[in-house]
Amino acid sequence: MNRVKYAARTTVSVERSRAELERELKRFGAESFAFADEPAGWTIAFHLAGRVVRMNLFRPRAAELDPPPTMKGIDAAVQQECRRRWRSLLLLIKAKLVAAADGGVTSLEREFLADLVLPSGLTVEHELLPKLTTGDEPPLLLGGHR
């Protein structure tokens, strides 16, 4: 199966995608937001409807790119993948915000559940993911008993 990557040929800079994301967050009522540029990638956080959402976008490594770039083209390929990932993140967040705002389709909590920040400072994903990988099989039916 040929895998098509969204925005694979985008020329939109990371900075422009970030600015567009900021505008979308404001448009949907985010009271505050923050962006952190770290060696491993970027952290995006925002406060919306009484919730704090924090998402990570990992910086691509040349070894994980497909197809692998030539030695001469590594920097360009990594930068292209950064641009592509930011466009994809923008699309994802915008779609979630639109769906939650439309009413009756979904909720903000459902769409951003894994990324909601708990009072401990951890996201729901970081709190629950280890519990999901214990090897214990959950019941098949809702409300099922073992």
C-alpha atoms as a PDB file:
ATOM      1  CA  MET A   1       0.000   0.000   0.000  1.00  0.00           C
ATOM      2  CA  ASN A   2       1.396   3.382  -0.994  1.00  0.00           C
ATOM      3  CA  ARG A   3       1.330   5.742   1.986  1.00  0.00           C
ATOM      4  CA  VAL A   4       0.382   9.301   1.102  1.00  0.00           C
ATOM      5  CA  LYS A   5       1.579  11.884   3.593  1.00  0.00           C
ATOM      6  CA  TYR A   6      -0.474  15.018   4.112  1.00  0.00           C
ATOM      7  CA  ALA A   7       1.349  18.204   3.011  1.00  0.00           C
ATOM      8  CA  ALA A   8       4.370  16.228   1.821  1.00  0.00           C
ATOM      9  CA  ARG A   9       5.380  19.015  -0.565  1.00  0.00           C
ATOM     10  CA  THR A  10       4.386  22.015   1.522  1.00  0.00           C
ATOM     11  CA  THR A  11       6.478  25.166   1.330  1.00  0.00           C
ATOM     12  CA  VAL A  12       4.722  26.744   4.316  1.00  0.00           C
ATOM     13  CA  SER A  13       7.266  27.506   7.030  1.00  0.00           C
ATOM     14  CA  VAL A  14       7.031  26.161  10.567  1.00  0.00           C
ATOM     15  CA  GLU A  15       6.691  29.758  11.772  1.00  0.00           C
ATOM     16  CA  ARG A  16       3.746  30.436   9.478  1.00  0.00           C
ATOM     17  CA  SER A  17       1.985  27.215  10.520  1.00  0.00           C
ATOM     18  CA  ARG A  18       2.560  28.088  14.175  1.00  0.00           C
ATOM     19  CA  ALA A  19       1.109  31.580  13.625  1.00  0.00           C
ATOM     20  CA  GLU A  20      -1.901  30.065  11.865  1.00  0.00           C
ATOM     21  CA  LEU A  21      -2.405  27.646  14.745  1.00  0.00           C
ATOM     22  CA  GLU A  22      -2.274  30.565  17.186  1.00  0.00           C
ATOM     23  CA  ARG A  23      -4.962  32.403  15.165  1.00  0.00           C
ATOM     24  CA  GLU A  24      -7.179  29.304  15.130  1.00  0.00           C
ATOM     25  CA  LEU A  25      -6.809  28.827  18.875  1.00  0.00           C
ATOM     26  CA  LYS A  26      -7.802  32.475  19.440  1.00  0.00           C
ATOM     27  CA  ARG A  27     -10.728  32.137  17.035  1.00  0.00           C
ATOM     28  CA  PHE A  28     -12.080  29.170  19.017  1.00  0.00           C
ATOM     29  CA  GLY A  29     -11.693  30.977  22.343  1.00  0.00           C
ATOM     30  CA  ALA A  30      -8.365  29.867  23.781  1.00  0.00           C
ATOM     31  CA  GLU A  31      -7.627  32.154  26.705  1.00  0.00           C
ATOM     32  CA  SER A  32      -3.895  31.507  26.581  1.00  0.00           C
ATOM     33  CA  PHE A  33      -1.390  29.361  24.738  1.00  0.00           C
ATOM     34  CA  ALA A  34       2.318  28.594  24.753  1.00  0.00           C
ATOM     35  CA  PHE A  35       4.827  27.094  22.366  1.00  0.00           C
ATOM     36  CA  ALA A  36       8.158  25.622  23.464  1.00  0.00           C
ATOM     37  CA  ASP A  37      10.944  24.753  21.042  1.00  0.00           C
ATOM     38  CA  GLU A  38      12.980  21.951  22.585  1.00  0.00           C
ATOM     39  CA  PRO A  39      15.718  19.662  21.239  1.00  0.00           C
ATOM     40  CA  ALA A  40      13.319  16.698  20.891  1.00  0.00           C
ATOM     41  CA  GLY A  41      10.580  18.771  19.288  1.00  0.00           C
ATOM     42  CA  TRP A  42       7.887  21.258  20.168  1.00  0.00           C
ATOM     43  CA  THR A  43       5.333  21.486  22.933  1.00  0.00           C
ATOM     44  CA  ILE A  44       2.054  23.266  22.268  1.00  0.00           C
ATOM     45  CA  ALA A  45      -0.187  24.121  25.215  1.00  0.00           C
ATOM     46  CA  PHE A  46      -3.414  26.062  25.435  1.00  0.00           C
ATOM     47  CA  HIS A  47      -6.174  26.872  27.903  1.00  0.00           C
ATOM     48  CA  LEU A  48      -9.636  26.446  26.426  1.00  0.00           C
ATOM     49  CA  ALA A  49     -13.077  26.122  28.041  1.00  0.00           C
ATOM     50  CA  GLY A  50     -11.590  25.554  31.488  1.00  0.00           C
ATOM     51  CA  ARG A  51      -9.216  22.843  30.274  1.00  0.00           C
ATOM     52  CA  VAL A  52      -5.478  22.821  29.722  1.00  0.00           C
ATOM     53  CA  VAL A  53      -4.326  20.922  26.650  1.00  0.00           C
ATOM     54  CA  ARG A  54      -0.688  20.017  26.003  1.00  0.00           C
ATOM     55  CA  MET A  55       0.551  18.301  22.849  1.00  0.00           C
ATOM     56  CA  ASN A  56       4.009  17.294  21.689  1.00  0.00           C
ATOM     57  CA  LEU A  57       5.240  17.329  18.132  1.00  0.00           C
ATOM     58  CA  PHE A  58       8.456  15.393  17.739  1.00  0.00           C
ATOM     59  CA  ARG A  59      11.305  16.665  15.616  1.00  0.00           C
ATOM     60  CA  PRO A  60      12.074  14.243  12.768  1.00  0.00           C
ATOM     61  CA  ARG A  61      15.369  12.393  12.645  1.00  0.00           C
ATOM     62  CA  ALA A  62      17.014  11.674   9.326  1.00  0.00           C
ATOM     63  CA  ALA A  63      17.105   7.926  10.072  1.00  0.00           C
ATOM     64  CA  GLU A  64      13.291   7.731  10.253  1.00  0.00           C
ATOM     65  CA  LEU A  65      12.582   9.516   6.978  1.00  0.00           C
ATOM     66  CA  ASP A  66      11.143   7.489   4.136  1.00  0.00           C
ATOM     67  CA  PRO A  67      12.727   7.377   1.662  1.00  0.00           C
ATOM     68  CA  PRO A  68      16.053   7.983   3.398  1.00  0.00           C
ATOM     69  CA  PRO A  69      17.674  11.199   2.147  1.00  0.00           C
ATOM     70  CA  THR A  70      21.109  11.293   0.590  1.00  0.00           C
ATOM     71  CA  MET A  71      23.894  12.674   2.766  1.00  0.00           C
ATOM     72  CA  LYS A  72      23.772  15.896   0.791  1.00  0.00           C
ATOM     73  CA  GLY A  73      20.026  16.288   1.232  1.00  0.00           C
ATOM     74  CA  ILE A  74      19.602  15.404   4.913  1.00  0.00           C
ATOM     75  CA  ASP A  75      19.081  18.958   6.204  1.00  0.00           C
ATOM     76  CA  ALA A  76      16.584  19.801   3.475  1.00  0.00           C
ATOM     77  CA  ALA A  77      14.671  16.554   4.032  1.00  0.00           C
ATOM     78  CA  VAL A  78      14.484  17.084   7.792  1.00  0.00           C
ATOM     79  CA  GLN A  79      13.287  20.687   7.316  1.00  0.00           C
ATOM     80  CA  GLN A  80      10.656  19.510   4.822  1.00  0.00           C
ATOM     81  CA  GLU A  81       9.425  16.921   7.304  1.00  0.00           C
ATOM     82  CA  CYS A  82       9.247  19.600  10.038  1.00  0.00           C
ATOM     83  CA  ARG A  83       7.086  21.760   7.769  1.00  0.00           C
ATOM     84  CA  ARG A  84       4.885  18.772   6.903  1.00  0.00           C
ATOM     85  CA  ARG A  85       4.390  17.771  10.543  1.00  0.00           C
ATOM     86  CA  TRP A  86       3.370  21.306  11.518  1.00  0.00           C
ATOM     87  CA  ARG A  87       0.805  21.417   8.696  1.00  0.00           C
ATOM     88  CA  SER A  88      -0.551  18.053   9.822  1.00  0.00           C
ATOM     89  CA  LEU A  89      -0.742  19.191  13.449  1.00  0.00           C
ATOM     90  CA  LEU A  90      -2.569  22.363  12.396  1.00  0.00           C
ATOM     91  CA  LEU A  91      -5.093  20.310  10.415  1.00  0.00           C
ATOM     92  CA  LEU A  92      -5.624  17.920  13.330  1.00  0.00           C
ATOM     93  CA  ILE A  93      -6.192  20.628  15.939  1.00  0.00           C
ATOM     94  CA  LYS A  94      -8.405  22.698  13.644  1.00  0.00           C
ATOM     95  CA  ALA A  95     -10.570  19.657  12.805  1.00  0.00           C
ATOM     96  CA  LYS A  96     -10.964  18.831  16.498  1.00  0.00           C
ATOM     97  CA  LEU A  97     -11.888  22.423  17.350  1.00  0.00           C
ATOM     98  CA  VAL A  98     -14.413  22.642  14.508  1.00  0.00           C
ATOM     99  CA  ALA A  99     -16.027  19.310  15.409  1.00  0.00           C
ATOM    100  CA  ALA A 100     -16.278  20.241  19.105  1.00  0.00           C
ATOM    101  CA  ALA A 101     -17.685  23.701  18.326  1.00  0.00           C
ATOM    102  CA  ASP A 102     -20.315  22.388  15.883  1.00  0.00           C
ATOM    103  CA  GLY A 103     -22.340  20.839  18.694  1.00  0.00           C
ATOM    104  CA  GLY A 104     -23.727  17.355  18.606  1.00  0.00           C
ATOM    105  CA  VAL A 105     -20.714  15.935  16.785  1.00  0.00           C
ATOM    106  CA  THR A 106     -18.263  15.568  19.671  1.00  0.00           C
ATOM    107  CA  SER A 107     -16.916  17.459  22.664  1.00  0.00           C
ATOM    108  CA  LEU A 108     -13.681  19.259  23.408  1.00  0.00           C
ATOM    109  CA  GLU A 109     -12.916  16.768  26.185  1.00  0.00           C
ATOM    110  CA  ARG A 110     -13.444  13.771  23.923  1.00  0.00           C
ATOM    111  CA  GLU A 111     -11.314  15.162  21.109  1.00  0.00           C
ATOM    112  CA  PHE A 112      -8.413  16.237  23.314  1.00  0.00           C
ATOM    113  CA  LEU A 113      -8.771  13.610  26.063  1.00  0.00           C
ATOM    114  CA  ALA A 114      -5.272  12.157  25.730  1.00  0.00           C
ATOM    115  CA  ASP A 115      -3.770  15.660  25.785  1.00  0.00           C
ATOM    116  CA  LEU A 116      -5.704  17.092  28.740  1.00  0.00           C
ATOM    117  CA  VAL A 117      -3.419  18.084  31.590  1.00  0.00           C
ATOM    118  CA  LEU A 118      -4.302  16.578  34.960  1.00  0.00           C
ATOM    119  CA  PRO A 119      -3.713  18.319  38.306  1.00  0.00           C
ATOM    120  CA  SER A 120      -0.510  16.244  38.612  1.00  0.00           C
ATOM    121  CA  GLY A 121       0.887  18.018  35.543  1.00  0.00           C
ATOM    122  CA  LEU A 122       0.787  14.816  33.496  1.00  0.00           C
ATOM    123  CA  THR A 123      -1.452  14.424  30.483  1.00  0.00           C
ATOM    124  CA  VAL A 124      -4.155  11.751  30.474  1.00  0.00           C
ATOM    125  CA  GLU A 125      -2.059   9.849  27.923  1.00  0.00           C
ATOM    126  CA  HIS A 126       1.014   9.758  30.170  1.00  0.00           C
ATOM    127  CA  GLU A 127      -1.088   8.764  33.166  1.00  0.00           C
ATOM    128  CA  LEU A 128      -3.065   5.977  31.468  1.00  0.00           C
ATOM    129  CA  LEU A 129      -0.827   4.563  28.743  1.00  0.00           C
ATOM    130  CA  PRO A 130       1.285   2.471  31.158  1.00  0.00           C
ATOM    131  CA  LYS A 131      -1.926   0.995  32.575  1.00  0.00           C
ATOM    132  CA  LEU A 132      -3.086  -0.002  29.086  1.00  0.00           C
ATOM    133  CA  THR A 133       0.084  -1.948  28.375  1.00  0.00           C
ATOM    134  CA  THR A 134      -0.051  -4.265  31.408  1.00  0.00           C
ATOM    135  CA  GLY A 135      -0.968  -7.284  29.312  1.00  0.00           C
ATOM    136  CA  ASP A 136      -4.295  -7.733  31.109  1.00  0.00           C
ATOM    137  CA  GLU A 137      -7.104  -8.089  28.612  1.00  0.00           C
ATOM    138  CA  PRO A 138     -10.131  -5.866  29.320  1.00  0.00           C
ATOM    139  CA  PRO A 139     -13.647  -7.310  29.141  1.00  0.00           C
ATOM    140  CA  LEU A 140     -15.004  -7.550  25.608  1.00  0.00           C
ATOM    141  CA  LEU A 141     -18.485  -6.217  26.351  1.00  0.00           C
ATOM    142  CA  LEU A 142     -19.268  -2.862  27.867  1.00  0.00           C
ATOM    143  CA  GLY A 143     -20.002  -3.347  31.529  1.00  0.00           C
ATOM    144  CA  GLY A 144     -18.958  -6.977  31.194  1.00  0.00           C
ATOM    145  CA  HIS A 145     -17.939  -9.005  34.227  1.00  0.00           C
ATOM    146  CA  ARG A 146     -15.239 -11.612  34.473  1.00  0.00           C
END
